[in-house]
Amino acid sequence: MKLTLAVDQGNGPVEVTTNLYVIVQYERKYKRRASDMANGIGYEDLLFLAYESCKLHGVTVPVVFDDFIKRTVPIDVISEETENPTPGEQISES
């Protein structure tokens, strides 16, 4: 799963994108599989993904996650992509 999020900590929105590292961090922290988010995603889930993505993209964030939550105004999902490998070559049955 790859999300592009618009995050605004009060200075205007910044777009960040999740990657595999961010998803694994999410799974480790919340002891949930990323695939569980298909059934619904909460604001804390989105904010954690945004927080970790901001850190990776060099966006300054508070050290404490809860302080990030306090500073962030509503977050928007810009796009969502499923990270599937490129389909391989088709093998014909003869």
N, C-alpha and C. Protein backbone atom coordinates (compact mmCIF):
# COMPACT_ATOMS: atom_id res chain seq x y z
N MET A 1 0.85 -1.16 0.00
CA MET A 1 0.00 0.00 0.00
C MET A 1 0.90 1.24 0.00
N LYS A 2 0.53 2.18 -0.84
CA LYS A 2 1.28 3.42 -0.94
C LYS A 2 0.28 4.57 -0.90
N LEU A 3 0.40 5.40 0.12
CA LEU A 3 -0.50 6.54 0.27
C LEU A 3 0.27 7.84 0.10
N THR A 4 -0.34 8.79 -0.58
CA THR A 4 0.18 10.14 -0.61
C THR A 4 -0.75 10.97 0.26
N LEU A 5 -0.17 11.62 1.28
CA LEU A 5 -0.95 12.34 2.28
C LEU A 5 -0.59 13.81 2.26
N ALA A 6 -1.59 14.67 2.44
CA ALA A 6 -1.36 16.10 2.61
C ALA A 6 -1.42 16.37 4.11
N VAL A 7 -0.29 16.77 4.67
CA VAL A 7 -0.16 16.99 6.10
C VAL A 7 0.06 18.47 6.36
N ASP A 8 -0.74 19.04 7.24
CA ASP A 8 -0.60 20.47 7.57
C ASP A 8 -0.43 20.61 9.08
N GLN A 9 0.76 21.07 9.48
CA GLN A 9 1.03 21.31 10.89
C GLN A 9 0.84 22.77 11.25
N GLY A 10 0.08 23.48 10.41
CA GLY A 10 -0.19 24.89 10.66
C GLY A 10 0.60 25.82 9.78
N ASN A 11 1.50 25.27 8.95
CA ASN A 11 2.32 26.08 8.06
C ASN A 11 1.94 25.89 6.60
N GLY A 12 0.81 25.28 6.34
CA GLY A 12 0.42 24.93 4.97
C GLY A 12 0.71 23.46 4.72
N PRO A 13 -0.03 22.87 3.80
CA PRO A 13 0.10 21.43 3.57
C PRO A 13 1.41 21.03 2.90
N VAL A 14 1.90 19.87 3.28
CA VAL A 14 3.07 19.25 2.69
C VAL A 14 2.64 17.86 2.26
N GLU A 15 3.00 17.45 1.05
CA GLU A 15 2.66 16.10 0.59
C GLU A 15 3.80 15.14 0.90
N VAL A 16 3.44 14.01 1.50
CA VAL A 16 4.40 12.95 1.79
C VAL A 16 3.80 11.63 1.33
N THR A 17 4.67 10.68 1.04
CA THR A 17 4.22 9.38 0.56
C THR A 17 4.75 8.29 1.47
N THR A 18 3.90 7.33 1.78
CA THR A 18 4.33 6.19 2.59
C THR A 18 5.17 5.26 1.73
N ASN A 19 5.92 4.42 2.40
CA ASN A 19 6.66 3.36 1.70
C ASN A 19 6.65 2.12 2.58
N LEU A 20 7.35 1.10 2.15
CA LEU A 20 7.34 -0.17 2.88
C LEU A 20 7.86 -0.01 4.31
N TYR A 21 8.89 0.81 4.50
CA TYR A 21 9.43 1.04 5.84
C TYR A 21 8.36 1.60 6.77
N VAL A 22 7.61 2.58 6.30
CA VAL A 22 6.56 3.21 7.11
C VAL A 22 5.48 2.19 7.46
N ILE A 23 5.11 1.36 6.51
CA ILE A 23 4.08 0.34 6.75
C ILE A 23 4.56 -0.66 7.80
N VAL A 24 5.80 -1.07 7.72
CA VAL A 24 6.35 -2.02 8.71
C VAL A 24 6.39 -1.36 10.09
N GLN A 25 6.77 -0.09 10.16
CA GLN A 25 6.75 0.63 11.44
C GLN A 25 5.34 0.62 12.03
N TYR A 26 4.35 0.84 11.18
CA TYR A 26 2.95 0.81 11.63
C TYR A 26 2.60 -0.57 12.19
N GLU A 27 2.95 -1.62 11.46
CA GLU A 27 2.62 -2.98 11.91
C GLU A 27 3.30 -3.31 13.24
N ARG A 28 4.53 -2.88 13.40
CA ARG A 28 5.25 -3.14 14.65
C ARG A 28 4.63 -2.41 15.83
N LYS A 29 4.27 -1.16 15.61
CA LYS A 29 3.73 -0.36 16.72
C LYS A 29 2.34 -0.83 17.15
N TYR A 30 1.48 -1.08 16.18
CA TYR A 30 0.07 -1.40 16.49
C TYR A 30 -0.25 -2.89 16.47
N LYS A 31 0.73 -3.72 16.15
CA LYS A 31 0.54 -5.18 16.13
C LYS A 31 -0.65 -5.56 15.25
N ARG A 32 -0.77 -4.86 14.13
CA ARG A 32 -1.82 -5.14 13.14
C ARG A 32 -1.16 -5.26 11.78
N ARG A 33 -1.79 -6.03 10.90
CA ARG A 33 -1.30 -6.10 9.53
C ARG A 33 -1.82 -4.91 8.75
N ALA A 34 -1.04 -4.45 7.81
CA ALA A 34 -1.45 -3.32 6.97
C ALA A 34 -2.71 -3.68 6.19
N SER A 35 -2.87 -4.94 5.84
CA SER A 35 -4.05 -5.36 5.09
C SER A 35 -5.33 -5.16 5.90
N ASP A 36 -5.23 -5.08 7.23
CA ASP A 36 -6.41 -4.84 8.07
C ASP A 36 -6.99 -3.45 7.81
N MET A 37 -6.17 -2.52 7.29
CA MET A 37 -6.66 -1.17 7.02
C MET A 37 -7.69 -1.14 5.90
N ALA A 38 -7.77 -2.22 5.11
CA ALA A 38 -8.77 -2.28 4.04
C ALA A 38 -10.18 -2.27 4.62
N ASN A 39 -10.32 -2.70 5.87
CA ASN A 39 -11.63 -2.73 6.54
C ASN A 39 -11.98 -1.39 7.17
N GLY A 40 -11.10 -0.43 7.06
CA GLY A 40 -11.33 0.89 7.64
C GLY A 40 -10.06 1.36 8.33
N ILE A 41 -9.82 2.64 8.20
CA ILE A 41 -8.61 3.21 8.77
C ILE A 41 -9.01 4.37 9.67
N GLY A 42 -8.44 4.41 10.85
CA GLY A 42 -8.76 5.46 11.79
C GLY A 42 -7.81 6.64 11.64
N TYR A 43 -8.16 7.74 12.28
CA TYR A 43 -7.32 8.93 12.23
C TYR A 43 -5.95 8.68 12.86
N GLU A 44 -5.91 7.93 13.95
CA GLU A 44 -4.60 7.66 14.56
C GLU A 44 -3.72 6.89 13.58
N ASP A 45 -4.31 5.94 12.85
CA ASP A 45 -3.56 5.19 11.84
C ASP A 45 -2.98 6.14 10.79
N LEU A 46 -3.84 7.00 10.26
CA LEU A 46 -3.41 7.96 9.23
C LEU A 46 -2.34 8.91 9.76
N LEU A 47 -2.54 9.39 10.96
CA LEU A 47 -1.58 10.32 11.55
C LEU A 47 -0.23 9.66 11.81
N PHE A 48 -0.25 8.40 12.23
CA PHE A 48 1.02 7.70 12.43
C PHE A 48 1.75 7.52 11.11
N LEU A 49 1.02 7.13 10.06
CA LEU A 49 1.63 6.99 8.74
C LEU A 49 2.19 8.32 8.26
N ALA A 50 1.46 9.40 8.50
CA ALA A 50 1.92 10.73 8.11
C ALA A 50 3.15 11.13 8.91
N TYR A 51 3.15 10.88 10.21
CA TYR A 51 4.25 11.22 11.09
C TYR A 51 5.54 10.55 10.64
N GLU A 52 5.47 9.24 10.42
CA GLU A 52 6.65 8.49 9.99
C GLU A 52 7.09 8.92 8.59
N SER A 53 6.15 9.18 7.71
CA SER A 53 6.48 9.62 6.35
C SER A 53 7.14 10.99 6.37
N CYS A 54 6.65 11.89 7.21
CA CYS A 54 7.25 13.22 7.33
C CYS A 54 8.71 13.10 7.76
N LYS A 55 8.96 12.25 8.74
CA LYS A 55 10.33 12.07 9.22
C LYS A 55 11.24 11.58 8.09
N LEU A 56 10.73 10.65 7.28
CA LEU A 56 11.53 10.12 6.17
C LEU A 56 11.79 11.16 5.09
N HIS A 57 10.82 12.06 4.89
CA HIS A 57 10.93 13.09 3.84
C HIS A 57 11.64 14.35 4.34
N GLY A 58 12.15 14.33 5.56
CA GLY A 58 12.88 15.48 6.08
C GLY A 58 12.01 16.63 6.54
N VAL A 59 10.72 16.37 6.75
CA VAL A 59 9.80 17.39 7.27
C VAL A 59 9.97 17.43 8.79
N THR A 60 10.16 18.61 9.34
CA THR A 60 10.34 18.74 10.78
C THR A 60 9.05 18.42 11.51
N VAL A 61 9.14 17.50 12.46
CA VAL A 61 7.99 17.11 13.27
C VAL A 61 8.43 17.08 14.74
N PRO A 62 7.49 17.21 15.67
CA PRO A 62 7.86 17.08 17.09
C PRO A 62 8.41 15.69 17.38
N VAL A 63 9.21 15.59 18.41
CA VAL A 63 9.78 14.30 18.81
C VAL A 63 8.69 13.36 19.29
N VAL A 64 7.70 13.89 19.99
CA VAL A 64 6.63 13.09 20.57
C VAL A 64 5.44 13.05 19.60
N PHE A 65 4.99 11.84 19.28
CA PHE A 65 3.88 11.64 18.34
C PHE A 65 2.63 12.43 18.75
N ASP A 66 2.28 12.42 20.04
CA ASP A 66 1.10 13.15 20.49
C ASP A 66 1.20 14.65 20.23
N ASP A 67 2.39 15.21 20.29
CA ASP A 67 2.58 16.63 19.96
C ASP A 67 2.33 16.87 18.47
N PHE A 68 2.71 15.91 17.64
CA PHE A 68 2.42 15.99 16.21
C PHE A 68 0.91 16.01 15.98
N ILE A 69 0.20 15.16 16.71
CA ILE A 69 -1.26 15.10 16.59
C ILE A 69 -1.88 16.45 16.97
N LYS A 70 -1.40 17.05 18.04
CA LYS A 70 -1.93 18.34 18.50
C LYS A 70 -1.72 19.44 17.46
N ARG A 71 -0.62 19.39 16.73
CA ARG A 71 -0.27 20.44 15.77
C ARG A 71 -0.94 20.26 14.41
N THR A 72 -1.30 19.02 14.09
CA THR A 72 -1.79 18.72 12.75
C THR A 72 -3.27 19.03 12.62
N VAL A 73 -3.59 19.80 11.58
CA VAL A 73 -4.98 20.05 11.25
C VAL A 73 -5.43 18.90 10.36
N PRO A 74 -6.71 18.77 10.05
CA PRO A 74 -7.15 17.58 9.32
C PRO A 74 -6.21 17.19 8.17
N ILE A 75 -6.03 15.89 8.06
CA ILE A 75 -5.12 15.30 7.09
C ILE A 75 -5.93 14.78 5.91
N ASP A 76 -5.40 14.88 4.72
CA ASP A 76 -6.11 14.43 3.52
C ASP A 76 -5.32 13.35 2.81
N VAL A 77 -6.02 12.33 2.33
CA VAL A 77 -5.41 11.31 1.49
C VAL A 77 -5.51 11.81 0.06
N ILE A 78 -4.38 12.05 -0.59
CA ILE A 78 -4.35 12.55 -1.96
C ILE A 78 -4.51 11.41 -2.95
N SER A 79 -3.78 10.32 -2.73
CA SER A 79 -3.91 9.16 -3.60
C SER A 79 -3.56 7.90 -2.83
N GLU A 80 -4.04 6.81 -3.37
CA GLU A 80 -3.78 5.50 -2.76
C GLU A 80 -3.47 4.52 -3.87
N GLU A 81 -2.36 3.83 -3.73
CA GLU A 81 -1.95 2.84 -4.72
C GLU A 81 -1.64 1.54 -4.01
N THR A 82 -1.93 0.45 -4.69
CA THR A 82 -1.53 -0.85 -4.17
C THR A 82 -0.18 -1.16 -4.75
N GLU A 83 0.77 -1.50 -3.91
CA GLU A 83 2.11 -1.81 -4.38
C GLU A 83 2.18 -3.28 -4.77
N ASN A 84 1.85 -3.55 -6.01
CA ASN A 84 1.96 -4.90 -6.54
C ASN A 84 3.14 -4.95 -7.49
N PRO A 85 3.83 -6.06 -7.52
CA PRO A 85 4.92 -6.17 -8.48
C PRO A 85 4.38 -6.10 -9.91
N THR A 86 5.21 -5.65 -10.82
CA THR A 86 4.82 -5.60 -12.22
C THR A 86 4.56 -7.02 -12.69
N PRO A 87 3.45 -7.21 -13.42
CA PRO A 87 3.15 -8.57 -13.88
C PRO A 87 4.30 -9.11 -14.73
N GLY A 88 4.61 -10.37 -14.51
CA GLY A 88 5.69 -11.01 -15.26
C GLY A 88 5.23 -11.41 -16.65
N GLU A 89 6.13 -12.02 -17.33
CA GLU A 89 5.85 -12.48 -18.69
C GLU A 89 4.84 -13.62 -18.64
N GLN A 90 3.87 -13.58 -19.55
CA GLN A 90 2.86 -14.63 -19.64
C GLN A 90 3.50 -15.88 -20.27
N ILE A 91 3.23 -17.03 -19.68
CA ILE A 91 3.73 -18.28 -20.23
C ILE A 91 2.55 -18.99 -20.86
N SER A 92 2.68 -19.27 -22.13
CA SER A 92 1.58 -19.93 -22.82
C SER A 92 1.72 -21.44 -22.66
N GLU A 93 0.58 -22.07 -22.52
CA GLU A 93 0.57 -23.52 -22.38
C GLU A 93 0.45 -24.12 -23.77
N SER A 94 1.37 -24.97 -24.15
CA SER A 94 1.34 -25.58 -25.47
C SER A 94 1.13 -27.06 -25.38
